[in-house]
Amino acid sequence: MLRIKDPKKSIAFYTDAMGMTVIDSFDFPQWNFKSWFLATLPEGEKYALTPGTDEAHAYMWNIEGTALELTWNYGTEKDPNQKYHPGNEEKDGFGHIAFNTDDVYAACDMLEMAGVTFKKKPDEGRMKGLAFAYDPDGYWVEIVKRSEEKKIPNFFNFSQTMLRIKDPKKSIPFYEALGMTVVRAKDYGDFSNYFLASSSSIDPSIDYSKLSDDDAKTMLSMMFGPILELTHNHGTEVQEDFKHHNGNEEGRQGFGHIAFVVDDVYAACDNIRGLGYGFRKEADGGNMKGLAFAFDPDGYSVEIIKRGGMDLGDKRVESP
């Protein structure tokens, strides 16, 4: 979930420029905010439902992929001083989201012609062949080349969310306990990246830990559904007072949370409780029942919500 200032600009960016589809929305006038959910649908699939309806809710809570949630607090688009924090400053935890494409250079040319600006173009910096565009709120959107071994007809597909972590020995087991699998781990000397996928993207016949880095990279770039990229800057794990900003602190709000759908929220919370990192909201806490926000080892909020959906009034716990 990312907070946005102006839904007209942000939704146009992610639908027109990045090829996503608005599959659902939830409006909460009692808390003065609204959320839209967007997904990369397989090329050629037509979406005929109306976001905000019961049919759209049922569809959204049963997709195998991952949705991007954009949350707008009423009136922010009219406030000249309103600006969300995009991350990527000192100690910021949230880094970026990413989209895969066949040709990064052609994709960036197209985006630039559409008026999109860039943090980094494909041939800039030390890592060539990938780019970082800015969305309307200044969030970084990575543009990455997908594998040529698996043809995906979509020009873009939503592919990653990156969070910085303090200690992989804590964070990796936490997300494995939530059903994720490390598909690739890469040490770059002063930092390491870990790429984790949920069960719908995993081939159970493959032992990903035994793949060569080239094979793991290929497997990763063949996935249509998004993965979670955890970035560890070496040495933070031994700094007792080091802590990443989690995106929900006053004055630094931007990134809000990631989320997992489960069959039984209460059973899932019992399992998560045993990991020892606590909850921002228990399933029966707050104004709304039946969903929870757990803390991961770095203090990021992890929403736990029932697969198949909930009543409209049960979707959100608190104003973002």
Protein backbone atom coordinates (compact mmCIF):
# COMPACT_ATOMS: atom_id res chain seq x y z
CA MET A 1 0.00 0.00 0.00
CA LEU A 2 1.20 3.46 -1.01
CA ARG A 3 -0.43 6.73 0.01
CA ILE A 4 -1.14 9.10 -2.86
CA LYS A 5 -1.87 12.83 -3.05
CA ASP A 6 -3.99 13.00 -6.21
CA PRO A 7 -5.85 9.87 -7.36
CA LYS A 8 -6.49 11.26 -10.86
CA LYS A 9 -2.74 11.56 -11.48
CA SER A 10 -1.68 8.34 -9.75
CA ILE A 11 -4.35 6.09 -11.23
CA ALA A 12 -3.65 7.49 -14.71
CA PHE A 13 0.07 6.77 -14.25
CA TYR A 14 -0.41 3.16 -13.20
CA THR A 15 -3.15 2.38 -15.73
CA ASP A 16 -2.09 4.39 -18.79
CA ALA A 17 1.69 4.26 -18.40
CA MET A 18 2.22 0.97 -16.55
CA GLY A 19 -0.66 -1.06 -17.97
CA MET A 20 -2.43 -1.90 -14.71
CA THR A 21 -6.19 -2.27 -14.22
CA VAL A 22 -8.26 -0.90 -11.33
CA ILE A 23 -9.95 -4.05 -10.08
CA ASP A 24 -11.57 -2.76 -6.89
CA SER A 25 -12.03 0.20 -4.56
CA PHE A 26 -13.18 0.82 -1.00
CA ASP A 27 -14.48 4.20 0.14
CA PHE A 28 -14.56 5.15 3.84
CA PRO A 29 -16.18 8.58 4.21
CA GLN A 30 -16.37 8.07 7.98
CA TRP A 31 -12.55 8.24 7.99
CA ASN A 32 -12.16 10.51 4.96
CA PHE A 33 -10.18 8.17 2.75
CA LYS A 34 -10.53 5.86 -0.22
CA SER A 35 -8.38 3.01 -1.53
CA TRP A 36 -8.04 1.65 -5.06
CA PHE A 37 -6.59 -1.76 -5.91
CA LEU A 38 -4.74 -2.25 -9.18
CA ALA A 39 -3.31 -5.39 -10.77
CA THR A 40 -1.53 -6.48 -13.94
CA LEU A 41 -4.06 -8.69 -15.70
CA PRO A 42 -2.89 -11.22 -18.31
CA GLU A 43 -2.73 -9.62 -21.73
CA GLY A 44 -6.09 -9.90 -23.46
CA GLU A 45 -8.11 -10.46 -20.29
CA LYS A 46 -11.02 -8.03 -20.17
CA TYR A 47 -12.19 -6.68 -16.83
CA ALA A 48 -15.94 -6.10 -16.91
CA LEU A 49 -16.68 -5.58 -13.20
CA THR A 50 -17.28 -2.25 -11.49
CA PRO A 51 -14.76 -1.42 -8.74
CA GLY A 52 -16.48 -1.01 -5.40
CA THR A 53 -19.20 -3.59 -6.01
CA ASP A 54 -19.60 -6.91 -4.21
CA GLU A 55 -18.59 -8.70 -7.41
CA ALA A 56 -15.37 -6.69 -7.63
CA HIS A 57 -14.63 -7.35 -3.94
CA ALA A 58 -14.99 -11.09 -4.51
CA TYR A 59 -12.75 -10.96 -7.56
CA MET A 60 -10.03 -8.93 -5.86
CA TRP A 61 -9.80 -11.08 -2.75
CA ASN A 62 -9.40 -14.24 -4.83
CA ILE A 63 -6.75 -13.25 -7.37
CA GLU A 64 -3.57 -15.33 -7.30
CA GLY A 65 -1.40 -12.34 -8.06
CA THR A 66 -0.71 -9.21 -6.06
CA ALA A 67 -2.58 -5.92 -6.07
CA LEU A 68 -1.10 -2.45 -5.64
CA GLU A 69 -3.19 -0.53 -3.11
CA LEU A 70 -3.28 3.26 -3.53
CA THR A 71 -4.78 5.13 -0.59
CA TRP A 72 -6.01 8.72 -0.84
CA ASN A 73 -6.96 10.89 2.13
CA TYR A 74 -9.73 13.28 1.12
CA GLY A 75 -8.58 16.73 0.07
CA THR A 76 -4.84 16.14 -0.17
CA GLU A 77 -4.88 17.00 -3.87
CA LYS A 78 -5.97 20.54 -2.95
CA ASP A 79 -3.23 21.10 -0.37
CA PRO A 80 -0.13 22.71 -1.94
CA ASN A 81 1.94 21.69 1.07
CA GLN A 82 0.92 18.03 1.04
CA LYS A 83 3.72 15.68 0.03
CA TYR A 84 4.17 12.03 0.91
CA HIS A 85 7.57 10.68 1.78
CA PRO A 86 8.78 8.37 -1.03
CA GLY A 87 11.52 6.64 0.97
CA ASN A 88 15.16 6.31 -0.06
CA GLU A 89 16.56 8.86 2.37
CA GLU A 90 18.81 7.96 5.30
CA LYS A 91 17.43 4.99 7.25
CA ASP A 92 14.31 4.81 5.09
CA GLY A 93 13.09 1.26 4.73
CA PHE A 94 10.82 1.34 1.69
CA GLY A 95 12.77 1.49 -1.55
CA HIS A 96 10.61 0.97 -4.62
CA ILE A 97 8.14 -1.09 -6.55
CA ALA A 98 9.11 -2.60 -9.91
CA PHE A 99 7.74 -3.67 -13.27
CA ASN A 100 9.26 -6.18 -15.69
CA THR A 101 9.37 -5.59 -19.44
CA ASP A 102 11.00 -7.17 -22.49
CA ASP A 103 13.01 -4.09 -23.50
CA VAL A 104 13.97 -1.62 -20.77
CA TYR A 105 15.32 0.93 -23.25
CA ALA A 106 12.17 0.95 -25.39
CA ALA A 107 10.01 1.05 -22.27
CA CYS A 108 11.87 4.07 -20.90
CA ASP A 109 11.66 5.87 -24.24
CA MET A 110 7.91 5.32 -24.22
CA LEU A 111 7.56 6.53 -20.63
CA GLU A 112 9.68 9.60 -21.29
CA MET A 113 7.55 10.50 -24.30
CA ALA A 114 4.52 10.26 -22.01
CA GLY A 115 6.08 12.83 -19.66
CA VAL A 116 7.44 10.47 -17.02
CA THR A 117 10.65 11.62 -15.31
CA PHE A 118 13.49 9.43 -14.08
CA LYS A 119 15.76 8.98 -11.08
CA LYS A 120 18.00 6.80 -13.23
CA LYS A 121 17.92 5.92 -16.92
CA PRO A 122 19.13 2.52 -18.18
CA ASP A 123 22.72 3.55 -18.98
CA GLU A 124 23.25 5.76 -15.95
CA GLY A 125 24.94 4.66 -12.72
CA ARG A 126 26.91 1.51 -12.08
CA MET A 127 24.08 -0.92 -12.83
CA LYS A 128 23.31 -0.78 -16.54
CA GLY A 129 20.17 -1.95 -18.27
CA LEU A 130 17.66 -1.05 -15.57
CA ALA A 131 15.97 2.21 -14.72
CA PHE A 132 14.08 4.01 -11.98
CA ALA A 133 11.15 6.23 -12.95
CA TYR A 134 9.23 8.56 -10.65
CA ASP A 135 5.50 8.14 -10.16
CA PRO A 136 3.36 11.26 -9.46
CA ASP A 137 4.17 11.15 -5.72
CA GLY A 138 7.90 10.64 -6.24
CA TYR A 139 7.93 6.93 -5.43
CA TRP A 140 10.63 5.06 -7.33
CA VAL A 141 9.38 2.63 -9.96
CA GLU A 142 12.08 0.25 -11.16
CA ILE A 143 11.98 -0.93 -14.78
CA VAL A 144 13.60 -4.37 -15.10
CA LYS A 145 14.22 -6.70 -18.05
CA ARG A 146 12.26 -9.94 -17.86
CA SER A 147 13.57 -13.33 -18.97
CA GLU A 148 13.60 -14.06 -22.69
CA GLU A 149 12.96 -17.75 -21.94
CA LYS A 150 9.33 -17.20 -21.03
CA LYS A 151 7.31 -14.99 -23.30
CA ILE A 152 4.90 -12.77 -21.39
CA PRO A 153 2.74 -10.72 -23.78
CA ASN A 154 2.17 -7.85 -21.34
CA PHE A 155 4.34 -4.83 -22.08
CA PHE A 156 4.73 -4.35 -18.30
CA ASN A 157 3.94 -6.64 -15.38
CA PHE A 158 4.01 -5.58 -11.73
CA SER A 159 7.00 -7.52 -10.42
CA GLN A 160 8.53 -6.39 -7.12
CA THR A 161 8.27 -4.49 -3.85
CA MET A 162 11.60 -3.68 -2.18
CA LEU A 163 12.10 -3.16 1.55
CA ARG A 164 15.40 -2.66 3.37
CA ILE A 165 16.03 -4.95 6.32
CA LYS A 166 18.38 -4.77 9.29
CA ASP A 167 19.09 -8.49 9.79
CA PRO A 168 18.35 -11.19 7.21
CA LYS A 169 18.68 -13.88 9.88
CA LYS A 170 15.50 -12.48 11.41
CA SER A 171 13.61 -11.22 8.35
CA ILE A 172 14.03 -14.28 6.12
CA PRO A 173 12.58 -16.74 8.68
CA PHE A 174 9.70 -14.33 9.36
CA TYR A 175 8.61 -14.25 5.73
CA GLU A 176 9.24 -17.96 5.28
CA ALA A 177 6.82 -18.47 8.16
CA LEU A 178 4.28 -16.52 6.08
CA GLY A 179 4.68 -19.05 3.29
CA MET A 180 7.29 -17.33 1.15
CA THR A 181 10.32 -18.98 -0.52
CA VAL A 182 13.71 -17.42 -1.20
CA VAL A 183 14.10 -17.74 -4.97
CA ARG A 184 17.40 -15.88 -5.25
CA ALA A 185 20.00 -14.43 -2.87
CA LYS A 186 22.81 -12.25 -4.22
CA ASP A 187 25.77 -10.76 -2.32
CA TYR A 188 27.11 -7.57 -3.91
CA GLY A 189 29.91 -7.00 -1.39
CA ASP A 190 28.49 -4.19 0.71
CA PHE A 191 24.87 -5.24 0.44
CA SER A 192 22.79 -8.33 -0.36
CA ASN A 193 19.43 -8.83 -2.01
CA TYR A 194 16.98 -11.60 -1.17
CA PHE A 195 14.03 -12.25 -3.50
CA LEU A 196 11.05 -14.11 -2.03
CA ALA A 197 7.92 -15.37 -3.76
CA SER A 198 4.62 -16.62 -2.40
CA SER A 199 3.24 -20.07 -3.07
CA SER A 200 1.29 -19.25 -6.23
CA SER A 201 4.54 -18.37 -8.03
CA ILE A 202 6.60 -21.28 -6.70
CA ASP A 203 7.26 -24.55 -8.53
CA PRO A 204 7.29 -27.19 -5.76
CA SER A 205 9.49 -29.47 -7.85
CA ILE A 206 12.39 -26.97 -7.72
CA ASP A 207 14.87 -26.60 -4.86
CA TYR A 208 15.64 -22.91 -5.36
CA SER A 209 18.47 -22.98 -2.81
CA LYS A 210 20.48 -25.27 -5.09
CA LEU A 211 20.15 -23.21 -8.27
CA SER A 212 23.11 -21.33 -9.69
CA ASP A 213 22.78 -17.56 -9.50
CA ASP A 214 22.19 -17.36 -13.25
CA ASP A 215 19.44 -19.97 -13.07
CA ALA A 216 17.87 -18.31 -10.02
CA LYS A 217 17.92 -14.94 -11.79
CA THR A 218 16.24 -16.50 -14.82
CA MET A 219 13.57 -18.16 -12.66
CA LEU A 220 12.93 -14.86 -10.93
CA SER A 221 12.55 -12.85 -14.12
CA MET A 222 10.14 -15.44 -15.57
CA MET A 223 7.61 -14.91 -12.77
CA PHE A 224 4.49 -12.97 -13.69
CA GLY A 225 3.42 -12.25 -10.13
CA PRO A 226 5.33 -9.85 -7.87
CA ILE A 227 8.01 -10.88 -5.45
CA LEU A 228 9.27 -9.30 -2.24
CA GLU A 229 12.83 -7.95 -2.50
CA LEU A 230 14.60 -7.59 0.84
CA THR A 231 17.79 -5.51 0.76
CA HIS A 232 20.38 -5.83 3.53
CA ASN A 233 23.13 -3.24 3.84
CA HIS A 234 25.93 -5.17 5.52
CA GLY A 235 26.73 -4.19 9.08
CA THR A 236 23.33 -2.90 10.16
CA GLU A 237 22.65 -6.17 11.96
CA VAL A 238 25.39 -5.44 14.52
CA GLN A 239 24.35 -1.83 15.16
CA GLU A 240 22.23 -2.09 18.29
CA ASP A 241 20.42 1.22 17.81
CA PHE A 242 19.95 0.99 14.04
CA LYS A 243 16.33 1.04 12.86
CA HIS A 244 14.73 1.65 9.47
CA HIS A 245 11.86 4.09 9.10
CA ASN A 246 8.76 2.00 8.38
CA GLY A 247 6.69 4.50 6.38
CA ASN A 248 4.05 5.14 9.03
CA GLU A 249 5.83 7.63 11.26
CA GLU A 250 4.40 11.13 11.51
CA GLY A 251 6.03 13.34 8.90
CA ARG A 252 7.47 10.38 6.99
CA GLN A 253 4.28 8.69 5.78
CA GLY A 254 4.23 7.23 2.30
CA PHE A 255 4.59 3.46 2.12
CA GLY A 256 1.98 1.90 4.38
CA HIS A 257 2.14 -1.88 4.47
CA ILE A 258 2.30 -5.15 2.60
CA ALA A 259 -0.46 -7.72 3.03
CA PHE A 260 -1.13 -11.45 2.97
CA VAL A 261 -4.47 -13.17 2.45
CA VAL A 262 -5.14 -16.27 4.54
CA ASP A 263 -7.98 -18.73 5.10
CA ASP A 264 -8.19 -18.08 8.85
CA VAL A 265 -7.00 -14.72 10.19
CA TYR A 266 -7.16 -15.83 13.82
CA ALA A 267 -5.12 -19.00 13.24
CA ALA A 268 -2.60 -17.04 11.18
CA CYS A 269 -2.23 -14.49 13.96
CA ASP A 270 -1.65 -17.25 16.51
CA ASN A 271 1.22 -18.51 14.38
CA ILE A 272 2.63 -15.02 13.81
CA ARG A 273 2.39 -14.21 17.51
CA GLY A 274 4.87 -16.99 18.18
CA LEU A 275 7.48 -15.19 16.07
CA GLY A 276 7.66 -12.55 18.77
CA TYR A 277 7.45 -9.22 16.91
CA GLY A 278 4.01 -8.17 18.05
CA PHE A 279 1.01 -6.52 16.44
CA ARG A 280 0.04 -3.03 15.45
CA LYS A 281 -3.55 -4.30 15.62
CA GLU A 282 -4.82 -7.70 16.71
CA ALA A 283 -7.66 -9.35 14.80
CA ASP A 284 -10.24 -8.28 17.40
CA GLY A 285 -8.64 -4.95 18.22
CA GLY A 286 -9.77 -1.52 17.10
CA ASN A 287 -13.06 -0.60 15.46
CA MET A 288 -13.11 -3.46 12.97
CA LYS A 289 -12.84 -7.13 13.63
CA GLY A 290 -11.39 -9.99 11.68
CA LEU A 291 -8.23 -8.48 10.22
CA ALA A 292 -4.87 -7.70 11.75
CA PHE A 293 -1.64 -5.78 11.28
CA ALA A 294 1.46 -7.61 12.48
CA PHE A 295 4.94 -6.14 12.80
CA ASP A 296 7.81 -7.79 10.96
CA PRO A 297 11.34 -7.72 12.47
CA ASP A 298 11.96 -4.20 11.12
CA GLY A 299 8.65 -2.79 12.28
CA TYR A 300 6.98 -2.80 8.86
CA SER A 301 3.21 -3.32 9.02
CA VAL A 302 2.01 -6.62 7.55
CA GLU A 303 -1.74 -6.79 7.04
CA ILE A 304 -3.38 -10.19 7.56
CA ILE A 305 -6.78 -10.44 5.87
CA LYS A 306 -9.18 -13.23 5.01
CA ARG A 307 -9.01 -14.83 1.57
CA GLY A 308 -12.32 -14.47 -0.23
CA GLY A 309 -12.94 -11.03 1.17
CA MET A 310 -14.81 -9.40 3.98
CA ASP A 311 -17.81 -7.10 4.26
CA LEU A 312 -17.14 -3.57 3.09
CA GLY A 313 -17.24 -2.28 6.61
CA ASP A 314 -14.60 -4.74 7.70
CA LYS A 315 -11.89 -3.92 5.14
CA ARG A 316 -9.90 -1.23 6.94
CA VAL A 317 -8.94 -0.90 10.55
CA GLU A 318 -8.02 2.72 10.89
CA SER A 319 -7.51 5.86 8.88
CA PRO A 320 -4.16 5.81 7.06
